[in-house]
Amino acid sequence: MAQESLFEQLKHPNPNLRDRATWELVDTRDENTIPRLMSVLDQEDTTYRRAAVKALGAIGVDSVPPLVDSLLNSENGTVRSSCAKALAQVAVNYPEVPFPTEGIEALKTALNDYNPVVYIASAMALGVVGLPALDSLLEVLKESDNPALGVAIVNAISSIDDERSKELLTNVANDESADNYVRETATSALSRLDMLKFKS
């Protein structure tokens, strides 16, 4: 199927057709595919924009440099948050491929974005990246006095299966100087982790 037709199918209301178009784009991509997908990230059509995010993630690490550039430099908050989500999709689709350091660093920088949608998406993406991103999450959590960011980071950390995650969550839950909502989120995350361990 021609690229033009595949891009049109990314707008289709049927998610199965969108998924098929996504993977066909990956298989048939050329030098214009990534730039064209990047140009969709500022579209008002949410379905189309989300499909582009998914396609960029399906392409994998080749998408990371333009995603990083737009995450750090776009003036459009929707584009920046879409880039963070696409970076998460790269990690989801290619867990066996080491996630590029430049992607982790960009997401870490984006944790300080003024737009909550961007910093929450970036925290979530770092949680998806997992262990390689843990130190970045910890560093920003220690420096931040933004409770909403703290909650997003605590939630991201709770998705990383590592003893340091549990230790950090315990420290946050017990830190009387920390924001109450952040502490409650850490306590809740610890409870979920304990339940998961108990069930397994």
N, C-alpha and C. Protein backbone atom coordinates (compact mmCIF):
# COMPACT_ATOMS: atom_id res chain seq x y z
N MET A 1 0.84 -1.18 0.00
CA MET A 1 0.00 0.00 0.00
C MET A 1 0.89 1.24 0.00
N ALA A 2 0.51 2.24 -0.74
CA ALA A 2 1.31 3.47 -0.85
C ALA A 2 1.30 4.23 0.47
N GLN A 3 2.38 4.95 0.72
CA GLN A 3 2.51 5.73 1.95
C GLN A 3 1.32 6.67 2.15
N GLU A 4 0.89 7.32 1.09
CA GLU A 4 -0.23 8.26 1.19
C GLU A 4 -1.46 7.58 1.75
N SER A 5 -1.73 6.41 1.24
CA SER A 5 -2.90 5.65 1.69
C SER A 5 -2.73 5.21 3.14
N LEU A 6 -1.52 4.84 3.52
CA LEU A 6 -1.26 4.43 4.90
C LEU A 6 -1.47 5.59 5.87
N PHE A 7 -1.02 6.76 5.48
CA PHE A 7 -1.23 7.93 6.33
C PHE A 7 -2.72 8.23 6.48
N GLU A 8 -3.46 8.04 5.41
CA GLU A 8 -4.91 8.24 5.50
C GLU A 8 -5.53 7.22 6.45
N GLN A 9 -5.02 6.00 6.41
CA GLN A 9 -5.57 4.97 7.30
C GLN A 9 -5.26 5.23 8.77
N LEU A 10 -4.21 6.01 9.03
CA LEU A 10 -3.92 6.37 10.42
C LEU A 10 -5.04 7.22 11.02
N LYS A 11 -5.87 7.80 10.17
CA LYS A 11 -7.00 8.62 10.62
C LYS A 11 -8.28 7.80 10.79
N HIS A 12 -8.24 6.57 10.35
CA HIS A 12 -9.45 5.75 10.30
C HIS A 12 -10.00 5.49 11.70
N PRO A 13 -11.33 5.49 11.86
CA PRO A 13 -11.91 5.23 13.18
C PRO A 13 -11.69 3.79 13.67
N ASN A 14 -11.43 2.87 12.76
CA ASN A 14 -11.23 1.48 13.15
C ASN A 14 -9.79 1.28 13.65
N PRO A 15 -9.63 0.93 14.93
CA PRO A 15 -8.27 0.79 15.47
C PRO A 15 -7.47 -0.33 14.82
N ASN A 16 -8.15 -1.36 14.33
CA ASN A 16 -7.43 -2.45 13.67
C ASN A 16 -6.80 -1.98 12.36
N LEU A 17 -7.54 -1.16 11.63
CA LEU A 17 -6.98 -0.61 10.39
C LEU A 17 -5.82 0.34 10.69
N ARG A 18 -5.97 1.13 11.75
CA ARG A 18 -4.87 2.03 12.13
C ARG A 18 -3.63 1.23 12.51
N ASP A 19 -3.82 0.17 13.28
CA ASP A 19 -2.67 -0.66 13.69
C ASP A 19 -1.99 -1.29 12.47
N ARG A 20 -2.79 -1.80 11.58
CA ARG A 20 -2.22 -2.41 10.38
C ARG A 20 -1.44 -1.37 9.57
N ALA A 21 -2.02 -0.18 9.45
CA ALA A 21 -1.34 0.89 8.71
C ALA A 21 -0.04 1.28 9.41
N THR A 22 -0.06 1.31 10.73
CA THR A 22 1.15 1.64 11.49
C THR A 22 2.28 0.69 11.15
N TRP A 23 2.00 -0.59 11.21
CA TRP A 23 3.07 -1.57 10.98
C TRP A 23 3.47 -1.63 9.51
N GLU A 24 2.54 -1.35 8.62
CA GLU A 24 2.92 -1.27 7.20
C GLU A 24 3.82 -0.06 6.96
N LEU A 25 3.53 1.04 7.65
CA LEU A 25 4.41 2.21 7.54
C LEU A 25 5.82 1.87 8.02
N VAL A 26 5.90 1.13 9.10
CA VAL A 26 7.20 0.73 9.63
C VAL A 26 7.94 -0.11 8.59
N ASP A 27 7.23 -1.05 7.99
CA ASP A 27 7.85 -1.96 7.02
C ASP A 27 8.22 -1.29 5.70
N THR A 28 7.49 -0.25 5.34
CA THR A 28 7.71 0.37 4.02
C THR A 28 8.26 1.79 4.13
N ARG A 29 8.73 2.16 5.30
CA ARG A 29 9.13 3.56 5.50
C ARG A 29 10.28 3.96 4.60
N ASP A 30 10.30 5.25 4.33
CA ASP A 30 11.40 5.83 3.57
C ASP A 30 11.90 7.05 4.33
N GLU A 31 12.73 7.85 3.70
CA GLU A 31 13.33 9.00 4.40
C GLU A 31 12.31 10.07 4.78
N ASN A 32 11.11 10.00 4.22
CA ASN A 32 10.08 11.00 4.53
C ASN A 32 9.11 10.56 5.62
N THR A 33 9.13 9.29 5.97
CA THR A 33 8.12 8.78 6.90
C THR A 33 8.22 9.43 8.27
N ILE A 34 9.40 9.45 8.86
CA ILE A 34 9.53 10.02 10.20
C ILE A 34 9.21 11.52 10.19
N PRO A 35 9.77 12.31 9.27
CA PRO A 35 9.40 13.73 9.27
C PRO A 35 7.89 13.95 9.08
N ARG A 36 7.29 13.13 8.26
CA ARG A 36 5.85 13.30 8.04
C ARG A 36 5.06 12.93 9.30
N LEU A 37 5.47 11.86 9.96
CA LEU A 37 4.81 11.50 11.22
C LEU A 37 5.01 12.60 12.27
N MET A 38 6.20 13.16 12.30
CA MET A 38 6.47 14.25 13.25
C MET A 38 5.55 15.44 12.98
N SER A 39 5.26 15.68 11.72
CA SER A 39 4.40 16.83 11.38
C SER A 39 2.95 16.62 11.82
N VAL A 40 2.59 15.39 12.10
CA VAL A 40 1.22 15.08 12.53
C VAL A 40 1.03 15.41 14.02
N LEU A 41 2.12 15.53 14.76
CA LEU A 41 2.03 15.68 16.21
C LEU A 41 1.37 16.97 16.67
N ASP A 42 1.18 17.91 15.77
CA ASP A 42 0.48 19.14 16.16
C ASP A 42 -0.95 19.19 15.60
N GLN A 43 -1.41 18.09 15.06
CA GLN A 43 -2.75 18.04 14.49
C GLN A 43 -3.82 18.04 15.58
N GLU A 44 -4.94 18.67 15.29
CA GLU A 44 -6.05 18.66 16.25
C GLU A 44 -6.75 17.32 16.29
N ASP A 45 -6.69 16.57 15.20
CA ASP A 45 -7.32 15.26 15.14
C ASP A 45 -6.59 14.31 16.09
N THR A 46 -7.21 14.05 17.23
CA THR A 46 -6.57 13.25 18.28
C THR A 46 -6.26 11.84 17.80
N THR A 47 -7.16 11.25 17.06
CA THR A 47 -6.95 9.89 16.56
C THR A 47 -5.71 9.84 15.67
N TYR A 48 -5.60 10.80 14.79
CA TYR A 48 -4.47 10.86 13.86
C TYR A 48 -3.17 11.09 14.64
N ARG A 49 -3.22 12.01 15.58
CA ARG A 49 -2.03 12.34 16.37
C ARG A 49 -1.57 11.12 17.18
N ARG A 50 -2.51 10.44 17.81
CA ARG A 50 -2.16 9.25 18.60
C ARG A 50 -1.60 8.14 17.71
N ALA A 51 -2.16 8.01 16.53
CA ALA A 51 -1.66 7.00 15.59
C ALA A 51 -0.22 7.33 15.17
N ALA A 52 0.06 8.61 15.00
CA ALA A 52 1.43 9.02 14.65
C ALA A 52 2.39 8.72 15.79
N VAL A 53 1.94 8.97 17.02
CA VAL A 53 2.76 8.65 18.20
C VAL A 53 3.08 7.15 18.21
N LYS A 54 2.05 6.37 17.98
CA LYS A 54 2.23 4.91 17.98
C LYS A 54 3.17 4.47 16.85
N ALA A 55 3.02 5.07 15.69
CA ALA A 55 3.87 4.72 14.55
C ALA A 55 5.32 5.10 14.80
N LEU A 56 5.54 6.27 15.38
CA LEU A 56 6.91 6.68 15.70
C LEU A 56 7.53 5.71 16.70
N GLY A 57 6.73 5.28 17.65
CA GLY A 57 7.22 4.29 18.61
C GLY A 57 7.48 2.95 17.97
N ALA A 58 6.66 2.60 17.00
CA ALA A 58 6.84 1.33 16.29
C ALA A 58 8.10 1.34 15.42
N ILE A 59 8.45 2.51 14.92
CA ILE A 59 9.68 2.62 14.13
C ILE A 59 10.90 2.34 15.01
N GLY A 60 10.85 2.81 16.24
CA GLY A 60 11.93 2.50 17.18
C GLY A 60 12.96 3.60 17.30
N VAL A 61 14.20 3.19 17.58
CA VAL A 61 15.24 4.15 17.94
C VAL A 61 15.56 5.15 16.83
N ASP A 62 15.26 4.85 15.60
CA ASP A 62 15.48 5.83 14.53
C ASP A 62 14.60 7.07 14.73
N SER A 63 13.51 6.91 15.48
CA SER A 63 12.63 8.04 15.76
C SER A 63 13.14 8.92 16.90
N VAL A 64 14.05 8.40 17.68
CA VAL A 64 14.45 9.10 18.90
C VAL A 64 15.04 10.49 18.64
N PRO A 65 16.00 10.67 17.72
CA PRO A 65 16.57 12.02 17.55
C PRO A 65 15.54 13.11 17.22
N PRO A 66 14.64 12.90 16.25
CA PRO A 66 13.66 13.96 16.01
C PRO A 66 12.67 14.14 17.17
N LEU A 67 12.36 13.05 17.86
CA LEU A 67 11.47 13.17 19.02
C LEU A 67 12.13 13.99 20.12
N VAL A 68 13.40 13.73 20.35
CA VAL A 68 14.15 14.48 21.36
C VAL A 68 14.20 15.96 20.99
N ASP A 69 14.49 16.23 19.73
CA ASP A 69 14.58 17.62 19.28
C ASP A 69 13.26 18.36 19.52
N SER A 70 12.16 17.75 19.14
CA SER A 70 10.87 18.42 19.32
C SER A 70 10.44 18.46 20.78
N LEU A 71 10.77 17.45 21.54
CA LEU A 71 10.45 17.45 22.97
C LEU A 71 11.12 18.64 23.66
N LEU A 72 12.34 18.90 23.27
CA LEU A 72 13.10 19.97 23.92
C LEU A 72 12.89 21.35 23.31
N ASN A 73 12.48 21.39 22.04
CA ASN A 73 12.48 22.68 21.35
C ASN A 73 11.15 23.17 20.82
N SER A 74 10.15 22.32 20.74
CA SER A 74 8.87 22.78 20.21
C SER A 74 8.21 23.74 21.19
N GLU A 75 7.55 24.73 20.64
CA GLU A 75 6.80 25.66 21.48
C GLU A 75 5.39 25.14 21.76
N ASN A 76 5.02 24.06 21.11
CA ASN A 76 3.68 23.50 21.22
C ASN A 76 3.66 22.39 22.28
N GLY A 77 2.89 22.60 23.33
CA GLY A 77 2.81 21.61 24.41
C GLY A 77 2.27 20.27 23.96
N THR A 78 1.35 20.29 23.01
CA THR A 78 0.82 19.02 22.49
C THR A 78 1.91 18.24 21.78
N VAL A 79 2.73 18.93 21.03
CA VAL A 79 3.84 18.26 20.34
C VAL A 79 4.82 17.69 21.37
N ARG A 80 5.15 18.49 22.37
CA ARG A 80 6.11 18.02 23.39
C ARG A 80 5.57 16.79 24.12
N SER A 81 4.31 16.83 24.52
CA SER A 81 3.77 15.67 25.24
C SER A 81 3.66 14.46 24.31
N SER A 82 3.33 14.70 23.06
CA SER A 82 3.27 13.59 22.09
C SER A 82 4.65 12.97 21.90
N CYS A 83 5.68 13.79 21.91
CA CYS A 83 7.04 13.26 21.78
C CYS A 83 7.39 12.37 22.97
N ALA A 84 7.03 12.82 24.17
CA ALA A 84 7.29 12.00 25.36
C ALA A 84 6.56 10.66 25.25
N LYS A 85 5.32 10.72 24.80
CA LYS A 85 4.53 9.48 24.66
C LYS A 85 5.12 8.57 23.58
N ALA A 86 5.61 9.16 22.51
CA ALA A 86 6.23 8.35 21.45
C ALA A 86 7.52 7.71 21.94
N LEU A 87 8.28 8.44 22.75
CA LEU A 87 9.49 7.85 23.33
C LEU A 87 9.13 6.66 24.22
N ALA A 88 8.04 6.78 24.96
CA ALA A 88 7.57 5.65 25.77
C ALA A 88 7.23 4.47 24.87
N GLN A 89 6.61 4.75 23.73
CA GLN A 89 6.25 3.69 22.80
C GLN A 89 7.48 2.98 22.23
N VAL A 90 8.54 3.74 22.02
CA VAL A 90 9.80 3.12 21.57
C VAL A 90 10.25 2.09 22.60
N ALA A 91 10.21 2.49 23.88
CA ALA A 91 10.63 1.58 24.95
C ALA A 91 9.71 0.36 25.04
N VAL A 92 8.42 0.58 24.87
CA VAL A 92 7.46 -0.53 24.93
C VAL A 92 7.68 -1.52 23.78
N ASN A 93 7.88 -0.98 22.59
CA ASN A 93 8.00 -1.83 21.41
C ASN A 93 9.34 -2.55 21.29
N TYR A 94 10.37 -1.98 21.90
CA TYR A 94 11.72 -2.55 21.75
C TYR A 94 12.40 -2.70 23.11
N PRO A 95 11.82 -3.50 24.01
CA PRO A 95 12.40 -3.61 25.35
C PRO A 95 13.79 -4.24 25.36
N GLU A 96 14.10 -4.99 24.32
CA GLU A 96 15.41 -5.66 24.26
C GLU A 96 16.51 -4.74 23.73
N VAL A 97 16.12 -3.58 23.20
CA VAL A 97 17.08 -2.63 22.65
C VAL A 97 17.38 -1.58 23.72
N PRO A 98 18.66 -1.36 24.03
CA PRO A 98 18.97 -0.32 25.03
C PRO A 98 18.38 1.03 24.60
N PHE A 99 17.67 1.64 25.53
CA PHE A 99 17.04 2.92 25.21
C PHE A 99 18.13 3.99 25.12
N PRO A 100 18.11 4.80 24.06
CA PRO A 100 19.17 5.79 23.87
C PRO A 100 19.29 6.78 25.03
N THR A 101 20.51 7.03 25.43
CA THR A 101 20.78 7.97 26.53
C THR A 101 20.21 9.34 26.22
N GLU A 102 20.29 9.76 24.96
CA GLU A 102 19.77 11.08 24.61
C GLU A 102 18.26 11.16 24.88
N GLY A 103 17.57 10.05 24.73
CA GLY A 103 16.14 10.02 25.03
C GLY A 103 15.88 10.16 26.51
N ILE A 104 16.67 9.46 27.31
CA ILE A 104 16.52 9.56 28.77
C ILE A 104 16.82 10.98 29.24
N GLU A 105 17.89 11.55 28.73
CA GLU A 105 18.27 12.91 29.13
C GLU A 105 17.20 13.93 28.73
N ALA A 106 16.64 13.76 27.55
CA ALA A 106 15.59 14.70 27.10
C ALA A 106 14.34 14.56 27.97
N LEU A 107 13.97 13.34 28.28
CA LEU A 107 12.80 13.14 29.14
C LEU A 107 13.06 13.70 30.54
N LYS A 108 14.28 13.53 31.02
CA LYS A 108 14.64 14.10 32.33
C LYS A 108 14.51 15.62 32.29
N THR A 109 15.00 16.23 31.24
CA THR A 109 14.88 17.69 31.08
C THR A 109 13.41 18.09 31.03
N ALA A 110 12.61 17.29 30.32
CA ALA A 110 11.19 17.61 30.16
C ALA A 110 10.41 17.47 31.46
N LEU A 111 10.98 16.82 32.45
CA LEU A 111 10.32 16.76 33.76
C LEU A 111 10.18 18.15 34.37
N ASN A 112 10.98 19.08 33.88
CA ASN A 112 10.91 20.45 34.38
C ASN A 112 10.13 21.38 33.44
N ASP A 113 9.44 20.79 32.48
CA ASP A 113 8.60 21.58 31.57
C ASP A 113 7.52 22.28 32.40
N TYR A 114 7.14 23.47 31.97
CA TYR A 114 6.09 24.20 32.70
C TYR A 114 4.71 23.59 32.50
N ASN A 115 4.55 22.80 31.44
CA ASN A 115 3.25 22.22 31.11
C ASN A 115 3.09 20.88 31.82
N PRO A 116 2.08 20.76 32.69
CA PRO A 116 1.91 19.50 33.43
C PRO A 116 1.70 18.28 32.53
N VAL A 117 1.05 18.47 31.41
CA VAL A 117 0.83 17.32 30.51
C VAL A 117 2.18 16.80 30.02
N VAL A 118 3.10 17.71 29.76
CA VAL A 118 4.42 17.31 29.26
C VAL A 118 5.22 16.62 30.37
N TYR A 119 5.26 17.22 31.56
CA TYR A 119 6.10 16.58 32.58
C TYR A 119 5.50 15.28 33.10
N ILE A 120 4.19 15.18 33.10
CA ILE A 120 3.59 13.91 33.52
C ILE A 120 3.85 12.83 32.46
N ALA A 121 3.71 13.18 31.19
CA ALA A 121 4.00 12.22 30.11
C ALA A 121 5.47 11.81 30.13
N SER A 122 6.34 12.75 30.45
CA SER A 122 7.77 12.45 30.50
C SER A 122 8.10 11.52 31.66
N ALA A 123 7.47 11.75 32.81
CA ALA A 123 7.69 10.86 33.95
C ALA A 123 7.20 9.46 33.62
N MET A 124 6.02 9.39 33.02
CA MET A 124 5.48 8.09 32.63
C MET A 124 6.42 7.38 31.65
N ALA A 125 6.94 8.14 30.71
CA ALA A 125 7.85 7.55 29.72
C ALA A 125 9.11 7.01 30.39
N LEU A 126 9.64 7.76 31.34
CA LEU A 126 10.84 7.28 32.04
C LEU A 126 10.52 6.02 32.85
N GLY A 127 9.32 5.95 33.39
CA GLY A 127 8.91 4.73 34.08
C GLY A 127 8.87 3.54 33.13
N VAL A 128 8.42 3.78 31.91
CA VAL A 128 8.37 2.73 30.90
C VAL A 128 9.78 2.32 30.48
N VAL A 129 10.67 3.30 30.36
CA VAL A 129 12.07 2.98 30.02
C VAL A 129 12.64 2.06 31.10
N GLY A 130 12.27 2.32 32.34
CA GLY A 130 12.63 1.42 33.42
C GLY A 130 13.96 1.72 34.08
N LEU A 131 14.65 0.67 34.43
CA LEU A 131 15.86 0.76 35.23
C LEU A 131 16.88 1.78 34.72
N PRO A 132 17.14 1.86 33.40
CA PRO A 132 18.11 2.86 32.95
C PRO A 132 17.71 4.31 33.28
N ALA A 133 16.43 4.52 33.55
CA ALA A 133 15.94 5.88 33.83
C ALA A 133 15.77 6.15 35.32
N LEU A 134 15.98 5.14 36.14
CA LEU A 134 15.70 5.28 37.57
C LEU A 134 16.50 6.40 38.22
N ASP A 135 17.78 6.48 37.93
CA ASP A 135 18.61 7.52 38.54
C ASP A 135 18.12 8.92 38.16
N SER A 136 17.70 9.08 36.92
CA SER A 136 17.17 10.39 36.49
C SER A 136 15.91 10.75 37.26
N LEU A 137 15.04 9.78 37.43
CA LEU A 137 13.81 10.03 38.19
C LEU A 137 14.13 10.39 39.64
N LEU A 138 15.05 9.66 40.23
CA LEU A 138 15.42 9.91 41.63
C LEU A 138 16.02 11.31 41.80
N GLU A 139 16.87 11.66 40.87
CA GLU A 139 17.54 12.97 40.94
C GLU A 139 16.52 14.11 40.88
N VAL A 140 15.59 14.03 39.95
CA VAL A 140 14.61 15.10 39.81
C VAL A 140 13.66 15.11 41.01
N LEU A 141 13.30 13.94 41.50
CA LEU A 141 12.41 13.88 42.66
C LEU A 141 13.04 14.58 43.86
N LYS A 142 14.33 14.36 44.06
CA LYS A 142 15.02 14.99 45.20
C LYS A 142 15.08 16.51 45.06
N GLU A 143 15.16 16.99 43.82
CA GLU A 143 15.33 18.43 43.59
C GLU A 143 14.01 19.19 43.50
N SER A 144 12.93 18.49 43.20
CA SER A 144 11.67 19.16 42.88
C SER A 144 10.85 19.47 44.12
N ASP A 145 10.18 20.62 44.08
CA ASP A 145 9.21 20.94 45.12
C ASP A 145 7.80 21.02 44.52
N ASN A 146 7.63 20.44 43.34
CA ASN A 146 6.35 20.41 42.65
C ASN A 146 5.62 19.11 43.03
N PRO A 147 4.56 19.20 43.83
CA PRO A 147 3.87 17.97 44.26
C PRO A 147 3.30 17.15 43.10
N ALA A 148 2.78 17.80 42.08
CA ALA A 148 2.22 17.06 40.94
C ALA A 148 3.33 16.27 40.23
N LEU A 149 4.48 16.89 40.08
CA LEU A 149 5.61 16.19 39.48
C LEU A 149 6.07 15.07 40.40
N GLY A 150 6.10 15.34 41.70
CA GLY A 150 6.49 14.31 42.66
C GLY A 150 5.60 13.08 42.56
N VAL A 151 4.31 13.30 42.46
CA VAL A 151 3.37 12.18 42.33
C VAL A 151 3.63 11.42 41.03
N ALA A 152 3.83 12.15 39.94
CA ALA A 152 4.09 11.50 38.65
C ALA A 152 5.37 10.67 38.71
N ILE A 153 6.39 11.21 39.36
CA ILE A 153 7.66 10.49 39.46
C ILE A 153 7.51 9.27 40.37
N VAL A 154 6.82 9.43 41.48
CA VAL A 154 6.60 8.28 42.38
C VAL A 154 5.85 7.17 41.64
N ASN A 155 4.84 7.54 40.87
CA ASN A 155 4.12 6.53 40.09
C ASN A 155 5.03 5.86 39.06
N ALA A 156 5.88 6.65 38.43
CA ALA A 156 6.82 6.07 37.45
C ALA A 156 7.79 5.12 38.14
N ILE A 157 8.31 5.54 39.27
CA ILE A 157 9.27 4.70 40.01
C ILE A 157 8.61 3.40 40.45
N SER A 158 7.35 3.49 40.82
CA SER A 158 6.66 2.28 41.30
C SER A 158 6.48 1.24 40.19
N SER A 159 6.63 1.66 38.94
CA SER A 159 6.50 0.71 37.84
C SER A 159 7.83 0.04 37.49
N ILE A 160 8.89 0.45 38.16
CA ILE A 160 10.22 -0.10 37.87
C ILE A 160 10.54 -1.17 38.91
N ASP A 161 10.71 -2.38 38.44
CA ASP A 161 10.94 -3.52 39.32
C ASP A 161 12.41 -3.57 39.72
N ASP A 162 12.70 -2.92 40.83
CA ASP A 162 14.06 -2.87 41.33
C ASP A 162 14.00 -2.60 42.83
N GLU A 163 14.91 -3.17 43.58
CA GLU A 163 14.93 -2.97 45.03
C GLU A 163 15.08 -1.49 45.39
N ARG A 164 15.85 -0.76 44.58
CA ARG A 164 16.02 0.67 44.86
C ARG A 164 14.70 1.42 44.76
N SER A 165 13.83 0.97 43.87
CA SER A 165 12.51 1.60 43.74
C SER A 165 11.75 1.47 45.05
N LYS A 166 11.72 0.26 45.57
CA LYS A 166 10.99 0.02 46.82
C LYS A 166 11.61 0.81 47.97
N GLU A 167 12.93 0.84 48.00
CA GLU A 167 13.63 1.59 49.05
C GLU A 167 13.29 3.07 48.97
N LEU A 168 13.31 3.61 47.76
CA LEU A 168 12.99 5.02 47.59
C LEU A 168 11.55 5.31 47.99
N LEU A 169 10.64 4.46 47.55
CA LEU A 169 9.23 4.66 47.89
C LEU A 169 9.03 4.63 49.41
N THR A 170 9.74 3.74 50.07
CA THR A 170 9.67 3.66 51.53
C THR A 170 10.19 4.95 52.15
N ASN A 171 11.31 5.45 51.64
CA ASN A 171 11.87 6.70 52.15
C ASN A 171 10.91 7.87 51.96
N VAL A 172 10.30 7.95 50.79
CA VAL A 172 9.36 9.04 50.52
C VAL A 172 8.14 8.92 51.43
N ALA A 173 7.63 7.71 51.58
CA ALA A 173 6.45 7.50 52.42
C ALA A 173 6.72 7.89 53.88
N ASN A 174 7.95 7.73 54.31
CA ASN A 174 8.31 8.03 55.71
C ASN A 174 8.88 9.43 55.92
N ASP A 175 9.05 10.18 54.84
CA ASP A 175 9.66 11.51 54.93
C ASP A 175 8.61 12.55 55.34
N GLU A 176 8.66 12.95 56.59
CA GLU A 176 7.66 13.89 57.10
C GLU A 176 7.78 15.28 56.49
N SER A 177 8.91 15.57 55.86
CA SER A 177 9.06 16.88 55.23
C SER A 177 8.51 16.89 53.80
N ALA A 178 8.19 15.72 53.28
CA ALA A 178 7.66 15.62 51.91
C ALA A 178 6.19 16.02 51.88
N ASP A 179 5.74 16.41 50.71
CA ASP A 179 4.33 16.75 50.50
C ASP A 179 3.46 15.55 50.86
N ASN A 180 2.35 15.81 51.56
CA ASN A 180 1.48 14.72 52.01
C ASN A 180 0.95 13.86 50.87
N TYR A 181 0.58 14.51 49.78
CA TYR A 181 0.02 13.75 48.65
C TYR A 181 1.09 12.86 48.03
N VAL A 182 2.31 13.37 47.96
CA VAL A 182 3.42 12.56 47.43
C VAL A 182 3.66 11.38 48.36
N ARG A 183 3.63 11.63 49.66
CA ARG A 183 3.83 10.55 50.64
C ARG A 183 2.72 9.50 50.52
N GLU A 184 1.48 9.96 50.40
CA GLU A 184 0.36 9.02 50.26
C GLU A 184 0.49 8.19 48.98
N THR A 185 0.95 8.84 47.92
CA THR A 185 1.13 8.12 46.66
C THR A 185 2.20 7.04 46.82
N ALA A 186 3.28 7.37 47.52
CA ALA A 186 4.34 6.39 47.76
C ALA A 186 3.83 5.24 48.62
N THR A 187 3.05 5.55 49.63
CA THR A 187 2.49 4.51 50.50
C THR A 187 1.57 3.58 49.70
N SER A 188 0.75 4.18 48.87
CA SER A 188 -0.16 3.40 48.03
C SER A 188 0.62 2.53 47.05
N ALA A 189 1.67 3.09 46.47
CA ALA A 189 2.50 2.33 45.53
C ALA A 189 3.15 1.14 46.23
N LEU A 190 3.62 1.35 47.44
CA LEU A 190 4.23 0.25 48.20
C LEU A 190 3.21 -0.85 48.47
N SER A 191 1.99 -0.45 48.80
CA SER A 191 0.93 -1.44 49.04
C SER A 191 0.66 -2.27 47.79
N ARG A 192 0.62 -1.59 46.64
CA ARG A 192 0.39 -2.31 45.38
C ARG A 192 1.54 -3.28 45.10
N LEU A 193 2.75 -2.83 45.34
CA LEU A 193 3.91 -3.71 45.12
C LEU A 193 3.85 -4.92 46.03
N ASP A 194 3.48 -4.71 47.29
CA ASP A 194 3.37 -5.82 48.23
C ASP A 194 2.29 -6.80 47.80
N MET A 195 1.17 -6.28 47.32
CA MET A 195 0.08 -7.16 46.86
C MET A 195 0.52 -7.97 45.66
N LEU A 196 1.24 -7.34 44.75
CA LEU A 196 1.72 -8.06 43.57
C LEU A 196 2.69 -9.17 43.96
N LYS A 197 3.56 -8.88 44.92
CA LYS A 197 4.51 -9.90 45.38
C LYS A 197 3.78 -11.05 46.06
N PHE A 198 2.76 -10.69 46.84
CA PHE A 198 2.00 -11.70 47.56
C PHE A 198 1.28 -12.63 46.60
N LYS A 199 0.76 -12.07 45.50
CA LYS A 199 0.02 -12.87 44.52
C LYS A 199 0.93 -13.75 43.68
N SER A 200 2.19 -13.36 43.54
CA SER A 200 3.07 -14.14 42.66
C SER A 200 3.77 -15.26 43.37
